[in-house]
Amino acid sequence: MDNSSKAAIFDLDGTLLDSMGVWDQVDIDFLGRRGIEVPADYMIKVASMQFRQIAEYTIARFGLPDTPEQLMDEWDDMARVAYSTVVEAKPHAVEYLTWLRESGAKLAVATSLPPTLREPAMKHVGIFDFFDVTVSVDDAGDVGKGSPDVYLLAASRLGVEPADCTVFEDLLIGIRSAKSAGMKVWAMHDDSSDADWPAICDAADGVLFDFADAPRVL
């Protein structure tokens, strides 16, 4: 199959990487060090916050003496270990990326993860060398995935028109943004997005639980 004029743009967390449990464990271990059990509503409360907001909220909620910078540094250190040792690839992700490369498609990563987390994780699961381009939301002006900027930046750096791009993403907000840019979008199921799954199914061009079922024509 010749995909030489096409591009595939992949999210990492929850799409190529089965990594969402990492942050749950960081929360458990971090609060556990301080003799605090994770409250039932904590992870839900912080899920949509930016990193610094989470630090400020955590300090205020639990009356911690730390500064936001100290919390973020500690979380970064804990996450870096987990991303380089514990994270796994989603089922058949490596095989699908291998096939895409052989089909001639250009490949990019569009992620919210900073280099300190994404590079160890990609190397750990064996996908680091597959990609022509890696961009983060920071590279696109830190507007997050509520805007299509990060996907458009990936397409631009690949030299491919948005209409010739297929995005693989697990977050509803990202799926809608990529669609708004005129890209095709396949949604990868992740437990973290269960609440949005009906809306994800409506918004995406197709849905996946396993990359063995991913499209062979982009």
C-alpha atoms as a PDB file:
ATOM      1  CA  MET A   1       0.000   0.000   0.000  1.00  0.00           C
ATOM      2  CA  ASP A   2       1.471   3.373  -1.007  1.00  0.00           C
ATOM      3  CA  ASN A   3       0.921   6.100   1.578  1.00  0.00           C
ATOM      4  CA  SER A   4       3.844   8.216   0.347  1.00  0.00           C
ATOM      5  CA  SER A   5       1.803  11.408  -0.002  1.00  0.00           C
ATOM      6  CA  LYS A   6       0.131  10.928   3.381  1.00  0.00           C
ATOM      7  CA  ALA A   7       1.006  11.564   7.004  1.00  0.00           C
ATOM      8  CA  ALA A   8      -0.007  10.054  10.324  1.00  0.00           C
ATOM      9  CA  ILE A   9       0.166  12.241  13.444  1.00  0.00           C
ATOM     10  CA  PHE A  10       0.083  10.485  16.811  1.00  0.00           C
ATOM     11  CA  ASP A  11      -0.668  11.613  20.332  1.00  0.00           C
ATOM     12  CA  LEU A  12       1.447   9.785  22.944  1.00  0.00           C
ATOM     13  CA  ASP A  13      -0.291   9.565  26.330  1.00  0.00           C
ATOM     14  CA  GLY A  14      -3.274   7.254  26.053  1.00  0.00           C
ATOM     15  CA  THR A  15      -2.824   6.741  22.302  1.00  0.00           C
ATOM     16  CA  LEU A  16       0.568   5.165  21.555  1.00  0.00           C
ATOM     17  CA  LEU A  17       1.489   4.856  25.240  1.00  0.00           C
ATOM     18  CA  ASP A  18      -0.542   3.039  27.860  1.00  0.00           C
ATOM     19  CA  SER A  19       0.560   5.582  30.427  1.00  0.00           C
ATOM     20  CA  MET A  20      -2.405   7.096  32.212  1.00  0.00           C
ATOM     21  CA  GLY A  21      -1.921   4.818  35.220  1.00  0.00           C
ATOM     22  CA  VAL A  22       1.509   6.391  35.711  1.00  0.00           C
ATOM     23  CA  TRP A  23       0.049   9.653  36.989  1.00  0.00           C
ATOM     24  CA  ASP A  24      -2.402   7.841  39.255  1.00  0.00           C
ATOM     25  CA  GLN A  25       0.552   6.012  40.807  1.00  0.00           C
ATOM     26  CA  VAL A  26       2.535   9.256  41.122  1.00  0.00           C
ATOM     27  CA  ASP A  27      -0.407  10.764  43.037  1.00  0.00           C
ATOM     28  CA  ILE A  28      -0.658   7.723  45.311  1.00  0.00           C
ATOM     29  CA  ASP A  29       3.091   7.611  46.007  1.00  0.00           C
ATOM     30  CA  PHE A  30       3.466  11.377  46.391  1.00  0.00           C
ATOM     31  CA  LEU A  31       0.648  11.742  48.908  1.00  0.00           C
ATOM     32  CA  GLY A  32       1.627   8.449  50.559  1.00  0.00           C
ATOM     33  CA  ARG A  33       5.057   9.908  51.364  1.00  0.00           C
ATOM     34  CA  ARG A  34       3.157  12.528  53.350  1.00  0.00           C
ATOM     35  CA  GLY A  35       0.876  10.062  55.108  1.00  0.00           C
ATOM     36  CA  ILE A  36      -2.155  11.099  53.020  1.00  0.00           C
ATOM     37  CA  GLU A  37      -4.509   8.756  51.175  1.00  0.00           C
ATOM     38  CA  VAL A  38      -5.669   9.971  47.761  1.00  0.00           C
ATOM     39  CA  PRO A  39      -9.249  11.282  48.182  1.00  0.00           C
ATOM     40  CA  ALA A  40     -11.790   9.749  45.807  1.00  0.00           C
ATOM     41  CA  ASP A  41     -12.407  13.043  43.988  1.00  0.00           C
ATOM     42  CA  TYR A  42      -8.778  14.235  43.746  1.00  0.00           C
ATOM     43  CA  MET A  43      -7.843  12.743  40.373  1.00  0.00           C
ATOM     44  CA  ILE A  44     -11.104  13.924  38.820  1.00  0.00           C
ATOM     45  CA  LYS A  45     -10.559  17.464  40.151  1.00  0.00           C
ATOM     46  CA  VAL A  46      -7.051  17.790  38.729  1.00  0.00           C
ATOM     47  CA  ALA A  47      -7.599  15.957  35.422  1.00  0.00           C
ATOM     48  CA  SER A  48      -8.291  19.107  33.391  1.00  0.00           C
ATOM     49  CA  MET A  49      -5.853  21.429  35.204  1.00  0.00           C
ATOM     50  CA  GLN A  50      -2.471  22.623  33.951  1.00  0.00           C
ATOM     51  CA  PHE A  51       0.598  21.290  35.794  1.00  0.00           C
ATOM     52  CA  ARG A  52       1.168  24.395  37.925  1.00  0.00           C
ATOM     53  CA  GLN A  53      -2.534  24.660  38.775  1.00  0.00           C
ATOM     54  CA  ILE A  54      -2.431  21.087  40.058  1.00  0.00           C
ATOM     55  CA  ALA A  55       0.535  21.940  42.273  1.00  0.00           C
ATOM     56  CA  GLU A  56      -1.184  25.025  43.689  1.00  0.00           C
ATOM     57  CA  TYR A  57      -4.441  23.127  44.249  1.00  0.00           C
ATOM     58  CA  THR A  58      -2.635  20.229  45.956  1.00  0.00           C
ATOM     59  CA  ILE A  59      -0.763  22.566  48.304  1.00  0.00           C
ATOM     60  CA  ALA A  60      -3.957  24.387  49.220  1.00  0.00           C
ATOM     61  CA  ARG A  61      -6.083  21.265  49.631  1.00  0.00           C
ATOM     62  CA  PHE A  62      -3.665  19.356  51.863  1.00  0.00           C
ATOM     63  CA  GLY A  63      -1.975  22.300  53.581  1.00  0.00           C
ATOM     64  CA  LEU A  64       1.473  21.330  52.316  1.00  0.00           C
ATOM     65  CA  PRO A  65       4.549  23.460  53.113  1.00  0.00           C
ATOM     66  CA  ASP A  66       6.058  22.940  49.630  1.00  0.00           C
ATOM     67  CA  THR A  67       6.218  25.559  46.894  1.00  0.00           C
ATOM     68  CA  PRO A  68       4.567  24.777  43.540  1.00  0.00           C
ATOM     69  CA  GLU A  69       8.058  24.489  42.013  1.00  0.00           C
ATOM     70  CA  GLN A  70       9.100  21.894  44.603  1.00  0.00           C
ATOM     71  CA  LEU A  71       5.981  19.826  43.913  1.00  0.00           C
ATOM     72  CA  MET A  72       6.431  20.005  40.143  1.00  0.00           C
ATOM     73  CA  ASP A  73      10.087  18.981  40.441  1.00  0.00           C
ATOM     74  CA  GLU A  74       9.199  16.023  42.644  1.00  0.00           C
ATOM     75  CA  TRP A  75       6.416  14.916  40.293  1.00  0.00           C
ATOM     76  CA  ASP A  76       8.740  15.296  37.298  1.00  0.00           C
ATOM     77  CA  ASP A  77      11.363  13.081  38.938  1.00  0.00           C
ATOM     78  CA  MET A  78       8.779  10.416  39.837  1.00  0.00           C
ATOM     79  CA  ALA A  79       7.192  10.508  36.393  1.00  0.00           C
ATOM     80  CA  ARG A  80      10.561  10.369  34.604  1.00  0.00           C
ATOM     81  CA  VAL A  81      11.375   7.098  36.362  1.00  0.00           C
ATOM     82  CA  ALA A  82       7.944   5.661  35.559  1.00  0.00           C
ATOM     83  CA  TYR A  83       7.966   6.762  31.900  1.00  0.00           C
ATOM     84  CA  SER A  84      11.390   5.199  31.342  1.00  0.00           C
ATOM     85  CA  THR A  85      10.647   1.896  33.101  1.00  0.00           C
ATOM     86  CA  VAL A  86       6.926   1.139  33.495  1.00  0.00           C
ATOM     87  CA  VAL A  87       5.028   2.590  30.518  1.00  0.00           C
ATOM     88  CA  GLU A  88       4.048   0.155  27.759  1.00  0.00           C
ATOM     89  CA  ALA A  89       3.009   0.657  24.144  1.00  0.00           C
ATOM     90  CA  LYS A  90      -0.651   0.193  23.262  1.00  0.00           C
ATOM     91  CA  PRO A  91      -1.392  -3.192  21.644  1.00  0.00           C
ATOM     92  CA  HIS A  92       0.263  -3.583  18.214  1.00  0.00           C
ATOM     93  CA  ALA A  93       1.409   0.063  18.146  1.00  0.00           C
ATOM     94  CA  VAL A  94       4.991  -0.886  17.222  1.00  0.00           C
ATOM     95  CA  GLU A  95       3.795  -3.204  14.449  1.00  0.00           C
ATOM     96  CA  TYR A  96       1.501  -0.530  13.020  1.00  0.00           C
ATOM     97  CA  LEU A  97       4.224   2.124  13.040  1.00  0.00           C
ATOM     98  CA  THR A  98       6.560  -0.325  11.317  1.00  0.00           C
ATOM     99  CA  TRP A  99       3.964  -0.961   8.626  1.00  0.00           C
ATOM    100  CA  LEU A 100       3.283   2.763   8.131  1.00  0.00           C
ATOM    101  CA  ARG A 101       6.990   3.481   7.644  1.00  0.00           C
ATOM    102  CA  GLU A 102       7.225   0.696   5.073  1.00  0.00           C
ATOM    103  CA  SER A 103       4.151   2.066   3.263  1.00  0.00           C
ATOM    104  CA  GLY A 104       5.930   5.402   2.764  1.00  0.00           C
ATOM    105  CA  ALA A 105       3.819   7.506   5.148  1.00  0.00           C
ATOM    106  CA  LYS A 106       5.403  10.420   7.000  1.00  0.00           C
ATOM    107  CA  LEU A 107       5.049  10.132  10.769  1.00  0.00           C
ATOM    108  CA  ALA A 108       4.816  12.748  13.514  1.00  0.00           C
ATOM    109  CA  VAL A 109       4.132  12.944  17.227  1.00  0.00           C
ATOM    110  CA  ALA A 110       1.940  15.774  18.576  1.00  0.00           C
ATOM    111  CA  THR A 111       1.929  15.638  22.360  1.00  0.00           C
ATOM    112  CA  SER A 112       1.544  17.572  25.590  1.00  0.00           C
ATOM    113  CA  LEU A 113       4.439  15.649  27.143  1.00  0.00           C
ATOM    114  CA  PRO A 114       7.722  17.527  27.658  1.00  0.00           C
ATOM    115  CA  PRO A 115      10.925  16.039  26.170  1.00  0.00           C
ATOM    116  CA  THR A 116      12.063  14.858  29.617  1.00  0.00           C
ATOM    117  CA  LEU A 117       9.119  12.432  29.721  1.00  0.00           C
ATOM    118  CA  ARG A 118       8.386  11.649  26.085  1.00  0.00           C
ATOM    119  CA  GLU A 119      11.909  10.697  24.992  1.00  0.00           C
ATOM    120  CA  PRO A 120      12.563   8.113  27.767  1.00  0.00           C
ATOM    121  CA  ALA A 121       9.104   6.641  27.222  1.00  0.00           C
ATOM    122  CA  MET A 122       9.456   6.403  23.438  1.00  0.00           C
ATOM    123  CA  LYS A 123      12.885   4.786  23.791  1.00  0.00           C
ATOM    124  CA  HIS A 124      11.629   2.393  26.469  1.00  0.00           C
ATOM    125  CA  VAL A 125       8.812   1.041  24.271  1.00  0.00           C
ATOM    126  CA  GLY A 126      10.916   1.050  21.091  1.00  0.00           C
ATOM    127  CA  ILE A 127       9.207   3.745  18.992  1.00  0.00           C
ATOM    128  CA  PHE A 128      11.640   6.667  19.262  1.00  0.00           C
ATOM    129  CA  ASP A 129      13.206   6.215  15.826  1.00  0.00           C
ATOM    130  CA  PHE A 130       9.981   5.910  13.816  1.00  0.00           C
ATOM    131  CA  PHE A 131       9.114   9.605  13.610  1.00  0.00           C
ATOM    132  CA  ASP A 132      10.142  12.306  11.157  1.00  0.00           C
ATOM    133  CA  VAL A 133       8.876  15.096  13.424  1.00  0.00           C
ATOM    134  CA  THR A 134       7.999  15.469  17.112  1.00  0.00           C
ATOM    135  CA  VAL A 135       6.140  18.570  18.307  1.00  0.00           C
ATOM    136  CA  SER A 136       4.614  19.530  21.637  1.00  0.00           C
ATOM    137  CA  VAL A 137       1.898  21.981  22.560  1.00  0.00           C
ATOM    138  CA  ASP A 138       4.732  24.231  23.851  1.00  0.00           C
ATOM    139  CA  ASP A 139       6.177  24.401  20.322  1.00  0.00           C
ATOM    140  CA  ALA A 140       2.767  25.550  19.060  1.00  0.00           C
ATOM    141  CA  GLY A 141       2.471  28.391  21.566  1.00  0.00           C
ATOM    142  CA  ASP A 142       1.247  26.350  24.552  1.00  0.00           C
ATOM    143  CA  VAL A 143      -2.406  26.763  23.579  1.00  0.00           C
ATOM    144  CA  GLY A 144      -3.177  23.133  24.412  1.00  0.00           C
ATOM    145  CA  LYS A 145      -5.142  20.700  22.303  1.00  0.00           C
ATOM    146  CA  GLY A 146      -8.299  22.794  22.421  1.00  0.00           C
ATOM    147  CA  SER A 147      -6.737  24.495  19.398  1.00  0.00           C
ATOM    148  CA  PRO A 148      -5.569  22.618  16.264  1.00  0.00           C
ATOM    149  CA  ASP A 149      -2.225  24.503  16.284  1.00  0.00           C
ATOM    150  CA  VAL A 150      -0.095  21.535  17.403  1.00  0.00           C
ATOM    151  CA  TYR A 151      -1.502  19.286  14.652  1.00  0.00           C
ATOM    152  CA  LEU A 152      -1.096  22.003  12.025  1.00  0.00           C
ATOM    153  CA  LEU A 153       2.495  22.570  13.139  1.00  0.00           C
ATOM    154  CA  ALA A 154       3.203  18.842  12.766  1.00  0.00           C
ATOM    155  CA  ALA A 155       1.701  18.830   9.260  1.00  0.00           C
ATOM    156  CA  SER A 156       3.680  21.938   8.288  1.00  0.00           C
ATOM    157  CA  ARG A 157       6.978  20.455   9.478  1.00  0.00           C
ATOM    158  CA  LEU A 158       6.225  17.241   7.586  1.00  0.00           C
ATOM    159  CA  GLY A 159       5.427  19.248   4.446  1.00  0.00           C
ATOM    160  CA  VAL A 160       1.959  17.697   4.148  1.00  0.00           C
ATOM    161  CA  GLU A 161      -1.419  19.386   3.710  1.00  0.00           C
ATOM    162  CA  PRO A 162      -3.898  18.991   6.616  1.00  0.00           C
ATOM    163  CA  ALA A 163      -6.310  17.109   4.321  1.00  0.00           C
ATOM    164  CA  ASP A 164      -3.612  14.451   3.780  1.00  0.00           C
ATOM    165  CA  CYS A 165      -3.110  13.880   7.531  1.00  0.00           C
ATOM    166  CA  THR A 166      -4.666  11.246   9.753  1.00  0.00           C
ATOM    167  CA  VAL A 167      -4.488  11.980  13.470  1.00  0.00           C
ATOM    168  CA  PHE A 168      -4.576   9.285  16.161  1.00  0.00           C
ATOM    169  CA  GLU A 169      -5.778  10.731  19.466  1.00  0.00           C
ATOM    170  CA  ASP A 170      -7.574   9.619  22.651  1.00  0.00           C
ATOM    171  CA  LEU A 171      -8.871  12.956  23.957  1.00  0.00           C
ATOM    172  CA  LEU A 172     -12.194  14.356  22.778  1.00  0.00           C
ATOM    173  CA  ILE A 173     -10.870  17.929  22.805  1.00  0.00           C
ATOM    174  CA  GLY A 174      -7.963  16.911  20.566  1.00  0.00           C
ATOM    175  CA  ILE A 175     -10.175  14.911  18.220  1.00  0.00           C
ATOM    176  CA  ARG A 176     -12.464  17.897  17.701  1.00  0.00           C
ATOM    177  CA  SER A 177      -9.514  20.252  17.138  1.00  0.00           C
ATOM    178  CA  ALA A 178      -7.872  18.012  14.540  1.00  0.00           C
ATOM    179  CA  LYS A 179     -11.205  17.587  12.750  1.00  0.00           C
ATOM    180  CA  SER A 180     -11.647  21.367  12.704  1.00  0.00           C
ATOM    181  CA  ALA A 181      -8.332  21.600  10.816  1.00  0.00           C
ATOM    182  CA  GLY A 182      -9.668  19.321   8.069  1.00  0.00           C
ATOM    183  CA  MET A 183      -7.783  16.216   9.185  1.00  0.00           C
ATOM    184  CA  LYS A 184      -9.098  12.664   9.477  1.00  0.00           C
ATOM    185  CA  VAL A 185      -9.090  11.376  13.045  1.00  0.00           C
ATOM    186  CA  TRP A 186      -9.049   7.887  14.499  1.00  0.00           C
ATOM    187  CA  ALA A 187      -9.752   7.665  18.219  1.00  0.00           C
ATOM    188  CA  MET A 188      -7.834   5.238  20.414  1.00  0.00           C
ATOM    189  CA  HIS A 189      -9.803   4.082  23.436  1.00  0.00           C
ATOM    190  CA  ASP A 190      -8.223   4.843  26.787  1.00  0.00           C
ATOM    191  CA  ASP A 191      -9.775   4.263  30.196  1.00  0.00           C
ATOM    192  CA  SER A 192      -9.135   7.904  31.093  1.00  0.00           C
ATOM    193  CA  SER A 193     -11.603   8.997  28.373  1.00  0.00           C
ATOM    194  CA  ASP A 194     -14.425   6.570  29.213  1.00  0.00           C
ATOM    195  CA  ALA A 195     -16.772   9.379  30.219  1.00  0.00           C
ATOM    196  CA  ASP A 196     -16.382  10.984  26.775  1.00  0.00           C
ATOM    197  CA  TRP A 197     -16.524   7.765  24.757  1.00  0.00           C
ATOM    198  CA  PRO A 198     -20.009   8.271  23.209  1.00  0.00           C
ATOM    199  CA  ALA A 199     -19.028  11.792  22.082  1.00  0.00           C
ATOM    200  CA  ILE A 200     -15.649  10.502  20.847  1.00  0.00           C
ATOM    201  CA  CYS A 201     -17.401   7.866  18.728  1.00  0.00           C
ATOM    202  CA  ASP A 202     -19.591  10.597  17.199  1.00  0.00           C
ATOM    203  CA  ALA A 203     -16.688  12.961  16.485  1.00  0.00           C
ATOM    204  CA  ALA A 204     -14.043  10.575  15.114  1.00  0.00           C
ATOM    205  CA  ASP A 205     -13.828   8.997  11.667  1.00  0.00           C
ATOM    206  CA  GLY A 206     -13.117   5.646  13.313  1.00  0.00           C
ATOM    207  CA  VAL A 207     -12.342   4.164  16.726  1.00  0.00           C
ATOM    208  CA  LEU A 208      -9.711   1.696  17.901  1.00  0.00           C
ATOM    209  CA  PHE A 209      -9.063  -0.545  20.875  1.00  0.00           C
ATOM    210  CA  ASP A 210      -6.000  -2.129  19.256  1.00  0.00           C
ATOM    211  CA  PHE A 211      -3.683  -0.914  16.482  1.00  0.00           C
ATOM    212  CA  ALA A 212      -4.138  -4.285  14.767  1.00  0.00           C
ATOM    213  CA  ASP A 213      -7.427  -2.752  13.543  1.00  0.00           C
ATOM    214  CA  ALA A 214      -5.920   0.577  12.433  1.00  0.00           C
ATOM    215  CA  PRO A 215      -6.500   1.806   8.863  1.00  0.00           C
ATOM    216  CA  ARG A 216      -4.188   0.595   6.095  1.00  0.00           C
ATOM    217  CA  VAL A 217      -5.099   3.506   3.832  1.00  0.00           C
ATOM    218  CA  LEU A 218      -4.581   6.961   5.303  1.00  0.00           C
END
